[in-house]
Each structure stands twice: as C-alpha cells, then as structure tokens.
N, C-alpha and C. Protein backbone atom coordinates (compact mmCIF):
# COMPACT_ATOMS: atom_id res chain seq x y z
N MET A 1 123.41 122.33 78.03
CA MET A 1 122.32 123.25 78.29
C MET A 1 122.93 124.72 78.05
N ILE A 2 122.28 125.59 77.22
CA ILE A 2 122.87 126.92 77.21
C ILE A 2 121.84 127.78 78.11
N THR A 3 122.49 128.56 78.79
CA THR A 3 121.85 129.43 79.71
C THR A 3 122.34 131.04 79.57
N ASN A 4 121.52 131.86 79.80
CA ASN A 4 121.75 133.19 79.60
C ASN A 4 122.22 133.74 81.16
N THR A 5 123.48 134.51 81.21
CA THR A 5 123.74 135.30 82.26
C THR A 5 123.15 136.70 82.33
N ASP A 6 123.29 137.29 83.38
CA ASP A 6 122.93 138.59 83.74
C ASP A 6 123.68 139.43 82.58
N ALA A 7 124.86 139.13 82.27
CA ALA A 7 125.61 139.94 81.41
C ALA A 7 125.05 139.81 79.90
N GLU A 8 124.57 138.64 79.62
CA GLU A 8 123.93 138.58 78.22
C GLU A 8 122.59 139.11 78.16
N ILE A 9 121.79 139.16 79.08
CA ILE A 9 120.45 139.71 79.05
C ILE A 9 120.32 140.77 80.24
N LYS A 10 119.98 142.04 79.82
CA LYS A 10 119.72 143.01 80.72
C LYS A 10 118.23 143.12 80.95
N VAL A 11 117.70 142.75 82.11
CA VAL A 11 116.40 142.79 82.52
C VAL A 11 116.22 143.55 83.80
N ARG A 12 115.17 144.20 83.86
CA ARG A 12 114.86 145.01 85.23
C ARG A 12 114.64 143.92 86.30
N ARG A 13 114.89 144.30 87.42
CA ARG A 13 114.67 143.43 88.58
C ARG A 13 113.56 144.14 89.22
N LYS A 14 112.61 143.08 89.85
CA LYS A 14 111.39 143.72 90.71
C LYS A 14 111.66 143.23 92.10
N PRO A 15 111.58 144.21 93.00
CA PRO A 15 111.60 143.85 94.42
C PRO A 15 110.51 143.23 94.75
N VAL A 16 110.65 141.98 95.62
CA VAL A 16 109.51 141.24 96.03
C VAL A 16 109.73 140.83 97.43
N THR A 17 108.67 140.35 98.35
CA THR A 17 108.84 139.90 99.46
C THR A 17 108.44 138.54 99.48
N LEU A 18 109.56 137.70 100.08
CA LEU A 18 109.40 136.18 100.04
C LEU A 18 109.45 135.79 101.51
N THR A 19 108.69 134.56 101.86
CA THR A 19 108.88 134.08 103.10
C THR A 19 109.54 132.79 102.86
N ILE A 20 110.72 132.67 103.59
CA ILE A 20 111.75 131.58 103.49
C ILE A 20 111.99 131.00 104.85
N ARG A 21 112.02 129.62 104.94
CA ARG A 21 112.32 129.07 106.29
C ARG A 21 113.77 129.74 106.77
N GLU A 22 113.65 129.96 108.15
CA GLU A 22 114.76 130.60 108.89
C GLU A 22 116.03 129.61 108.68
N ASP A 23 115.95 128.36 108.85
CA ASP A 23 117.12 127.49 108.76
C ASP A 23 117.80 127.63 107.50
N ILE A 24 116.97 127.71 106.27
CA ILE A 24 117.59 127.89 104.94
C ILE A 24 118.26 129.14 104.77
N MET A 25 117.72 130.27 105.29
CA MET A 25 118.34 131.64 105.22
C MET A 25 119.52 131.70 106.04
N ARG A 26 119.57 131.03 107.21
CA ARG A 26 120.61 131.04 108.24
C ARG A 26 121.94 130.27 107.44
N ASP A 27 121.55 129.06 106.84
CA ASP A 27 122.55 128.43 106.29
C ASP A 27 123.08 129.23 105.07
N ALA A 28 122.14 129.81 104.27
CA ALA A 28 122.51 130.60 102.97
C ALA A 28 123.62 131.75 103.41
N LYS A 29 123.20 132.54 104.57
CA LYS A 29 123.88 133.58 104.88
C LYS A 29 125.34 133.02 105.45
N SER A 30 125.23 131.86 106.30
CA SER A 30 126.68 131.42 106.57
C SER A 30 127.72 131.00 105.46
N LEU A 31 126.99 130.67 104.30
CA LEU A 31 127.73 130.30 103.17
C LEU A 31 128.01 131.52 102.17
N SER A 32 127.45 132.65 102.76
CA SER A 32 127.66 133.86 101.89
C SER A 32 126.89 133.75 100.47
N LEU A 33 125.82 133.02 100.47
CA LEU A 33 125.07 132.98 99.23
C LEU A 33 124.31 134.08 98.98
N ASN A 34 124.19 134.45 97.81
CA ASN A 34 123.07 135.63 97.44
C ASN A 34 121.69 135.11 97.31
N ALA A 35 120.98 135.29 98.34
CA ALA A 35 119.55 134.71 98.36
C ALA A 35 118.73 135.17 97.22
N SER A 36 118.90 136.41 96.69
CA SER A 36 118.07 136.80 95.68
C SER A 36 118.39 136.03 94.36
N LYS A 37 119.76 135.94 94.20
CA LYS A 37 120.04 135.08 92.98
C LYS A 37 119.67 133.65 93.08
N ALA A 38 119.69 133.15 94.24
CA ALA A 38 119.46 131.69 94.48
C ALA A 38 117.94 131.45 94.28
N ALA A 39 117.08 132.54 94.82
CA ALA A 39 115.76 132.30 94.61
C ALA A 39 115.36 132.50 93.02
N GLU A 40 116.11 133.46 92.41
CA GLU A 40 115.71 133.73 91.18
C GLU A 40 115.96 132.40 90.18
N ALA A 41 117.18 131.85 90.70
CA ALA A 41 117.64 130.47 89.86
C ALA A 41 116.45 129.46 90.10
N GLY A 42 116.25 129.40 91.49
CA GLY A 42 115.15 128.35 91.67
C GLY A 42 113.73 128.42 91.03
N ILE A 43 113.27 129.75 90.96
CA ILE A 43 112.14 130.09 90.25
C ILE A 43 112.19 129.77 88.80
N ALA A 44 113.28 130.14 88.34
CA ALA A 44 113.66 129.94 86.76
C ALA A 44 113.47 128.42 86.57
N GLU A 45 114.13 127.80 87.34
CA GLU A 45 114.24 126.09 87.07
C GLU A 45 112.73 125.63 87.21
N ALA A 46 111.92 126.16 88.21
CA ALA A 46 110.59 125.69 88.31
C ALA A 46 109.71 126.00 87.14
N LEU A 47 109.95 127.29 86.52
CA LEU A 47 109.31 127.73 85.44
C LEU A 47 109.67 126.85 84.09
N ARG A 48 110.90 126.54 84.09
CA ARG A 48 111.31 125.56 82.80
C ARG A 48 110.60 124.24 82.93
N LYS A 49 110.61 123.78 84.32
CA LYS A 49 110.06 122.43 84.53
C LYS A 49 108.49 122.41 84.18
N ALA A 50 107.82 123.52 84.76
CA ALA A 50 106.44 123.56 84.58
C ALA A 50 106.04 123.84 83.03
N ARG A 51 106.86 124.55 82.18
CA ARG A 51 106.54 124.86 81.01
C ARG A 51 106.66 123.53 80.17
N GLY A 52 107.78 122.77 80.47
CA GLY A 52 108.03 121.51 79.84
C GLY A 52 106.88 120.45 80.15
N GLU A 53 106.44 120.38 81.25
CA GLU A 53 105.26 119.56 81.68
C GLU A 53 104.01 120.10 81.00
N ARG A 54 103.80 121.26 80.87
CA ARG A 54 102.65 121.80 80.11
C ARG A 54 102.68 121.48 78.78
N TRP A 55 103.82 121.59 78.07
CA TRP A 55 104.04 121.32 76.75
C TRP A 55 103.67 119.90 76.48
N LEU A 56 104.22 119.01 77.25
CA LEU A 56 103.98 117.64 77.14
C LEU A 56 102.53 117.28 77.28
N ALA A 57 101.88 117.79 78.19
CA ALA A 57 100.49 117.65 78.40
C ALA A 57 99.65 117.95 77.23
N GLU A 58 100.00 119.13 76.69
CA GLU A 58 99.31 119.84 75.54
C GLU A 58 99.59 118.94 74.32
N ASN A 59 100.70 118.25 74.25
CA ASN A 59 101.15 117.58 72.94
C ASN A 59 101.01 115.98 73.13
N ARG A 60 100.47 115.47 74.27
CA ARG A 60 100.60 114.16 74.59
C ARG A 60 99.82 113.38 73.46
N ASP A 61 98.50 113.68 73.07
CA ASP A 61 97.91 113.10 72.13
C ASP A 61 98.70 112.91 70.78
N ALA A 62 99.19 113.93 70.33
CA ALA A 62 100.11 114.02 68.96
C ALA A 62 101.22 113.11 69.21
N ILE A 63 101.86 113.10 70.29
CA ILE A 63 103.13 112.26 70.68
C ILE A 63 102.60 110.87 70.64
N LEU A 64 101.52 110.44 71.24
CA LEU A 64 101.04 109.14 71.24
C LEU A 64 100.65 108.63 69.80
N ALA A 65 99.94 109.59 69.13
CA ALA A 65 99.66 109.15 67.67
C ALA A 65 100.84 108.91 66.80
N TYR A 66 101.85 109.76 66.84
CA TYR A 66 103.02 109.61 66.18
C TYR A 66 103.65 108.24 66.64
N ASN A 67 103.92 107.92 67.86
CA ASN A 67 104.51 106.79 68.28
C ASN A 67 103.80 105.54 67.80
N THR A 68 102.56 105.58 67.74
CA THR A 68 101.64 104.46 67.34
C THR A 68 101.89 104.32 65.77
N GLU A 69 101.93 105.34 65.08
CA GLU A 69 102.28 105.33 63.52
C GLU A 69 103.74 104.70 63.28
N ILE A 70 104.77 105.09 64.13
CA ILE A 70 106.03 104.57 63.95
C ILE A 70 106.14 103.13 64.31
N GLU A 71 105.23 102.81 65.34
CA GLU A 71 105.18 101.27 65.65
C GLU A 71 104.54 100.39 64.67
N ALA A 72 103.67 101.08 63.98
CA ALA A 72 102.85 100.25 62.92
C ALA A 72 103.54 100.23 61.65
N ARG A 73 104.27 101.33 61.28
CA ARG A 73 104.83 101.49 59.87
C ARG A 73 106.31 101.39 59.88
N GLY A 74 106.97 101.73 61.09
CA GLY A 74 108.46 101.87 61.20
C GLY A 74 108.85 103.23 60.73
N VAL A 75 110.16 103.48 60.90
CA VAL A 75 110.58 104.74 60.40
C VAL A 75 110.94 104.77 58.84
N ALA A 76 110.89 105.81 58.20
CA ALA A 76 111.09 106.09 56.81
C ALA A 76 112.57 105.69 56.58
N ILE A 77 113.59 106.13 57.43
CA ILE A 77 114.88 105.98 57.27
C ILE A 77 115.46 105.45 58.36
N GLN A 78 116.21 104.33 58.40
CA GLN A 78 116.71 103.68 59.43
C GLN A 78 117.97 104.56 60.04
N PRO A 79 117.90 104.88 61.35
CA PRO A 79 118.99 105.63 61.85
C PRO A 79 120.30 105.13 61.78
N LEU A 80 121.27 105.79 61.54
CA LEU A 80 122.69 105.35 61.25
C LEU A 80 123.17 104.56 62.46
N TRP A 81 122.69 104.89 63.88
CA TRP A 81 123.06 104.15 65.01
C TRP A 81 122.31 102.76 65.15
N ASP A 82 121.29 102.62 64.32
CA ASP A 82 120.45 101.39 64.56
C ASP A 82 120.99 100.37 63.59
N GLU A 83 121.64 99.41 64.21
CA GLU A 83 122.37 98.32 63.40
C GLU A 83 121.72 97.08 63.55
N SER A 84 120.50 97.06 64.03
CA SER A 84 119.65 95.87 64.32
C SER A 84 119.43 95.03 62.98
N ASP A 85 119.27 95.77 61.97
CA ASP A 85 118.80 95.10 60.75
C ASP A 85 119.95 94.86 59.80
N ARG A 86 121.23 95.21 60.30
CA ARG A 86 122.25 95.15 59.37
C ARG A 86 122.99 93.75 59.47
C-alpha cells in the first residue's frame, strides 16, 4: 500500500478538541506517542474503510451483475494462472 507522508504532502493542520479515554492517553504518554499523529492516522484509516464500504454499497448491483455474467458465459480470456482446463 502506498501512503503519503507529511513530507510528501504539505497540508494545513486544524486544531480540534477530542475526548479520549484517560487510560488510552496515559498509555500513549507513557510510550511517548504523539497523540495528534495517532489520532490522525486512526481517522485516516476510518475514512479509507468508510469510503471503501460506501463504494462497495454503491456498486453492489453492478458487481453482482458482472459476476452473474461471468458465471453464465465465462471469461473472454482464460487467466494465465488458471490451469484447470489445460
């Protein structure tokens, strides 16, 4: 997976207020973790997942139709890795 680092993308940071469990913040501090970067990474991952789920939901009918078509007619060209008919 390709990810962009702060050095590759210069974006403005927005100060926000978050409410986080005390035990999590205590453990993060004891491990010298940057809470802002950890929260940002977690939010970025949640966004990636939510966008993927939304895309799948929006395209579910097309995917099902395509899969039904492939099941009925087969693929136009047999993949090189599929040796079942050889």
